Amino acid sequence: MTGPQAHWLADGRRLHLNHGPIDLVVETFGEEGECRAAYSQAVARFQTILAELVEELPELRRPAALRPRAFAGPTARRM
């Protein structure tokens, strides 16, 4: 498997992020500088997200329960 990939789509407005089963197309709206910063932050965060989720996969695959579970990462907690 290749590592995280980030490429601009042909329209130059949307960013394609791909790593394993994760496939995202993102677009920002707002001031140019803020949009650039948001894209940079998205690419930086995307670098480790799959590995973090894989670490918690056994717990993520368990059936939902009434009692909250203690996930380590913020993405797993939101899932």
N, C-alpha and C. Protein backbone atom coordinates (compact mmCIF):
# COMPACT_ATOMS: atom_id res chain seq x y z
N MET A 1 0.85 -1.18 0.00
CA MET A 1 0.00 0.00 0.00
C MET A 1 0.89 1.24 0.00
N THR A 2 0.51 2.22 -0.78
CA THR A 2 1.25 3.47 -0.79
C THR A 2 0.82 4.33 0.38
N GLY A 3 1.60 5.34 0.67
CA GLY A 3 1.28 6.25 1.76
C GLY A 3 0.20 7.24 1.37
N PRO A 4 -0.07 8.18 2.26
CA PRO A 4 -1.08 9.20 1.99
C PRO A 4 -0.74 10.00 0.74
N GLN A 5 -1.75 10.25 -0.09
CA GLN A 5 -1.58 11.01 -1.33
C GLN A 5 -2.47 12.25 -1.27
N ALA A 6 -1.96 13.37 -1.75
CA ALA A 6 -2.74 14.61 -1.85
C ALA A 6 -2.45 15.22 -3.21
N HIS A 7 -3.49 15.41 -4.01
CA HIS A 7 -3.34 15.96 -5.36
C HIS A 7 -4.49 16.92 -5.64
N TRP A 8 -4.16 18.00 -6.34
CA TRP A 8 -5.21 18.92 -6.79
C TRP A 8 -5.94 18.30 -7.96
N LEU A 9 -7.25 18.44 -7.99
CA LEU A 9 -8.04 18.00 -9.14
C LEU A 9 -7.85 19.00 -10.27
N ALA A 10 -8.27 18.63 -11.47
CA ALA A 10 -8.04 19.45 -12.67
C ALA A 10 -8.64 20.84 -12.55
N ASP A 11 -9.71 21.00 -11.76
CA ASP A 11 -10.33 22.32 -11.63
C ASP A 11 -9.51 23.29 -10.78
N GLY A 12 -8.48 22.78 -10.09
CA GLY A 12 -7.61 23.63 -9.28
C GLY A 12 -8.24 24.15 -8.01
N ARG A 13 -9.46 23.76 -7.72
CA ARG A 13 -10.17 24.24 -6.52
C ARG A 13 -10.32 23.16 -5.46
N ARG A 14 -10.32 21.91 -5.90
CA ARG A 14 -10.59 20.81 -4.97
C ARG A 14 -9.34 19.95 -4.80
N LEU A 15 -9.19 19.46 -3.58
CA LEU A 15 -8.04 18.63 -3.23
C LEU A 15 -8.51 17.20 -3.03
N HIS A 16 -7.79 16.26 -3.64
CA HIS A 16 -8.10 14.84 -3.51
C HIS A 16 -7.11 14.24 -2.52
N LEU A 17 -7.62 13.67 -1.44
CA LEU A 17 -6.81 13.01 -0.42
C LEU A 17 -7.16 11.52 -0.44
N ASN A 18 -6.13 10.68 -0.54
CA ASN A 18 -6.36 9.24 -0.63
C ASN A 18 -5.29 8.50 0.13
N HIS A 19 -5.73 7.50 0.91
CA HIS A 19 -4.81 6.59 1.60
C HIS A 19 -5.60 5.34 1.94
N GLY A 20 -5.24 4.24 1.30
CA GLY A 20 -5.96 2.99 1.55
C GLY A 20 -7.44 3.16 1.26
N PRO A 21 -8.30 2.82 2.24
CA PRO A 21 -9.74 2.90 2.01
C PRO A 21 -10.30 4.32 2.14
N ILE A 22 -9.48 5.26 2.55
CA ILE A 22 -9.96 6.64 2.72
C ILE A 22 -9.77 7.39 1.42
N ASP A 23 -10.85 7.96 0.91
CA ASP A 23 -10.83 8.69 -0.35
C ASP A 23 -11.70 9.93 -0.19
N LEU A 24 -11.07 11.11 -0.14
CA LEU A 24 -11.79 12.35 0.11
C LEU A 24 -11.55 13.35 -1.01
N VAL A 25 -12.55 14.13 -1.33
CA VAL A 25 -12.41 15.29 -2.20
C VAL A 25 -12.90 16.47 -1.37
N VAL A 26 -12.02 17.43 -1.12
CA VAL A 26 -12.37 18.56 -0.26
C VAL A 26 -12.23 19.87 -1.02
N GLU A 27 -13.08 20.82 -0.65
CA GLU A 27 -13.04 22.16 -1.23
C GLU A 27 -13.30 23.15 -0.11
N THR A 28 -12.57 24.25 -0.12
CA THR A 28 -12.76 25.28 0.89
C THR A 28 -13.43 26.49 0.27
N PHE A 29 -14.04 27.30 1.11
CA PHE A 29 -14.67 28.54 0.69
C PHE A 29 -14.29 29.61 1.69
N GLY A 30 -13.90 30.76 1.21
CA GLY A 30 -13.52 31.85 2.10
C GLY A 30 -12.39 32.66 1.51
N GLU A 31 -11.71 33.40 2.38
CA GLU A 31 -10.59 34.23 1.94
C GLU A 31 -9.45 33.33 1.47
N GLU A 32 -8.74 33.79 0.46
CA GLU A 32 -7.70 32.97 -0.16
C GLU A 32 -6.66 32.46 0.83
N GLY A 33 -6.16 33.33 1.68
CA GLY A 33 -5.15 32.92 2.65
C GLY A 33 -5.68 31.90 3.64
N GLU A 34 -6.92 32.08 4.06
CA GLU A 34 -7.54 31.13 4.99
C GLU A 34 -7.76 29.77 4.32
N CYS A 35 -8.14 29.80 3.05
CA CYS A 35 -8.34 28.54 2.31
C CYS A 35 -7.02 27.80 2.16
N ARG A 36 -5.95 28.51 1.82
CA ARG A 36 -4.63 27.87 1.70
C ARG A 36 -4.23 27.23 3.02
N ALA A 37 -4.45 27.96 4.11
CA ALA A 37 -4.10 27.43 5.43
C ALA A 37 -4.92 26.17 5.74
N ALA A 38 -6.20 26.20 5.39
CA ALA A 38 -7.06 25.04 5.66
C ALA A 38 -6.61 23.82 4.87
N TYR A 39 -6.25 24.02 3.60
CA TYR A 39 -5.76 22.90 2.79
C TYR A 39 -4.46 22.34 3.39
N SER A 40 -3.57 23.21 3.80
CA SER A 40 -2.30 22.76 4.39
C SER A 40 -2.55 21.95 5.66
N GLN A 41 -3.47 22.43 6.48
CA GLN A 41 -3.79 21.72 7.72
C GLN A 41 -4.43 20.37 7.42
N ALA A 42 -5.28 20.32 6.40
CA ALA A 42 -5.92 19.05 6.03
C ALA A 42 -4.89 18.03 5.57
N VAL A 43 -3.94 18.46 4.74
CA VAL A 43 -2.90 17.55 4.25
C VAL A 43 -2.05 17.07 5.42
N ALA A 44 -1.68 17.96 6.32
CA ALA A 44 -0.86 17.58 7.47
C ALA A 44 -1.59 16.57 8.36
N ARG A 45 -2.85 16.82 8.63
CA ARG A 45 -3.62 15.91 9.49
C ARG A 45 -3.83 14.56 8.83
N PHE A 46 -3.99 14.56 7.52
CA PHE A 46 -4.27 13.34 6.78
C PHE A 46 -3.09 12.36 6.81
N GLN A 47 -1.90 12.82 7.09
CA GLN A 47 -0.71 11.97 7.05
C GLN A 47 -0.77 10.80 8.03
N THR A 48 -1.43 10.97 9.16
CA THR A 48 -1.40 9.94 10.20
C THR A 48 -2.77 9.34 10.53
N ILE A 49 -3.81 9.83 9.91
CA ILE A 49 -5.16 9.43 10.34
C ILE A 49 -5.43 7.94 10.14
N LEU A 50 -5.00 7.36 9.03
CA LEU A 50 -5.27 5.94 8.79
C LEU A 50 -4.56 5.07 9.82
N ALA A 51 -3.30 5.35 10.08
CA ALA A 51 -2.56 4.57 11.08
C ALA A 51 -3.22 4.66 12.45
N GLU A 52 -3.70 5.85 12.79
CA GLU A 52 -4.36 6.02 14.09
C GLU A 52 -5.64 5.19 14.17
N LEU A 53 -6.40 5.18 13.09
CA LEU A 53 -7.64 4.40 13.08
C LEU A 53 -7.37 2.90 13.09
N VAL A 54 -6.33 2.47 12.39
CA VAL A 54 -5.98 1.04 12.37
C VAL A 54 -5.64 0.55 13.77
N GLU A 55 -4.97 1.37 14.56
CA GLU A 55 -4.64 0.99 15.93
C GLU A 55 -5.90 0.71 16.76
N GLU A 56 -6.98 1.40 16.44
CA GLU A 56 -8.21 1.26 17.22
C GLU A 56 -9.26 0.39 16.52
N LEU A 57 -8.88 -0.23 15.43
CA LEU A 57 -9.83 -1.00 14.62
C LEU A 57 -10.57 -2.10 15.39
N PRO A 58 -9.89 -2.89 16.22
CA PRO A 58 -10.64 -3.94 16.94
C PRO A 58 -11.80 -3.35 17.77
N GLU A 59 -11.54 -2.26 18.42
CA GLU A 59 -12.59 -1.63 19.25
C GLU A 59 -13.65 -0.96 18.38
N LEU A 60 -13.23 -0.35 17.27
CA LEU A 60 -14.19 0.28 16.36
C LEU A 60 -15.14 -0.73 15.73
N ARG A 61 -14.69 -1.96 15.55
CA ARG A 61 -15.51 -3.00 14.92
C ARG A 61 -16.51 -3.64 15.88
N ARG A 62 -16.35 -3.41 17.15
CA ARG A 62 -17.29 -3.99 18.12
C ARG A 62 -18.66 -3.34 17.98
N PRO A 63 -19.73 -4.08 18.28
CA PRO A 63 -21.07 -3.50 18.22
C PRO A 63 -21.19 -2.31 19.18
N ALA A 64 -22.03 -1.37 18.81
CA ALA A 64 -22.26 -0.20 19.66
C ALA A 64 -22.84 -0.65 21.00
N ALA A 65 -22.52 0.10 22.03
CA ALA A 65 -23.01 -0.21 23.37
C ALA A 65 -23.59 1.06 23.98
N LEU A 66 -24.37 0.89 25.03
CA LEU A 66 -24.93 2.06 25.71
C LEU A 66 -23.85 2.85 26.43
N ARG A 67 -22.85 2.14 26.91
CA ARG A 67 -21.77 2.79 27.64
C ARG A 67 -20.71 3.30 26.66
N PRO A 68 -20.29 4.56 26.78
CA PRO A 68 -19.24 5.07 25.88
C PRO A 68 -17.93 4.31 26.09
N ARG A 69 -17.17 4.18 25.02
CA ARG A 69 -15.87 3.52 25.10
C ARG A 69 -14.76 4.57 25.09
N ALA A 70 -13.64 4.21 25.64
CA ALA A 70 -12.51 5.14 25.74
C ALA A 70 -11.57 4.94 24.56
N PHE A 71 -11.81 5.66 23.48
CA PHE A 71 -10.91 5.62 22.34
C PHE A 71 -9.76 6.59 22.58
N ALA A 72 -8.60 6.27 22.04
CA ALA A 72 -7.43 7.12 22.23
C ALA A 72 -7.45 8.36 21.34
N GLY A 73 -7.85 8.19 20.08
CA GLY A 73 -7.76 9.29 19.13
C GLY A 73 -9.07 10.04 18.94
N PRO A 74 -8.99 11.31 18.56
CA PRO A 74 -10.19 12.12 18.39
C PRO A 74 -11.09 11.63 17.25
N THR A 75 -10.51 11.10 16.18
CA THR A 75 -11.32 10.63 15.06
C THR A 75 -12.10 9.38 15.47
N ALA A 76 -11.45 8.46 16.13
CA ALA A 76 -12.14 7.25 16.60
C ALA A 76 -13.25 7.61 17.58
N ARG A 77 -13.02 8.58 18.44
CA ARG A 77 -14.06 9.00 19.39
C ARG A 77 -15.29 9.52 18.66
N ARG A 78 -15.07 10.22 17.56
CA ARG A 78 -16.20 10.77 16.80
C ARG A 78 -16.94 9.70 16.01
N MET A 79 -16.27 8.61 15.70
CA MET A 79 -16.89 7.55 14.91
C MET A 79 -17.82 6.74 15.78
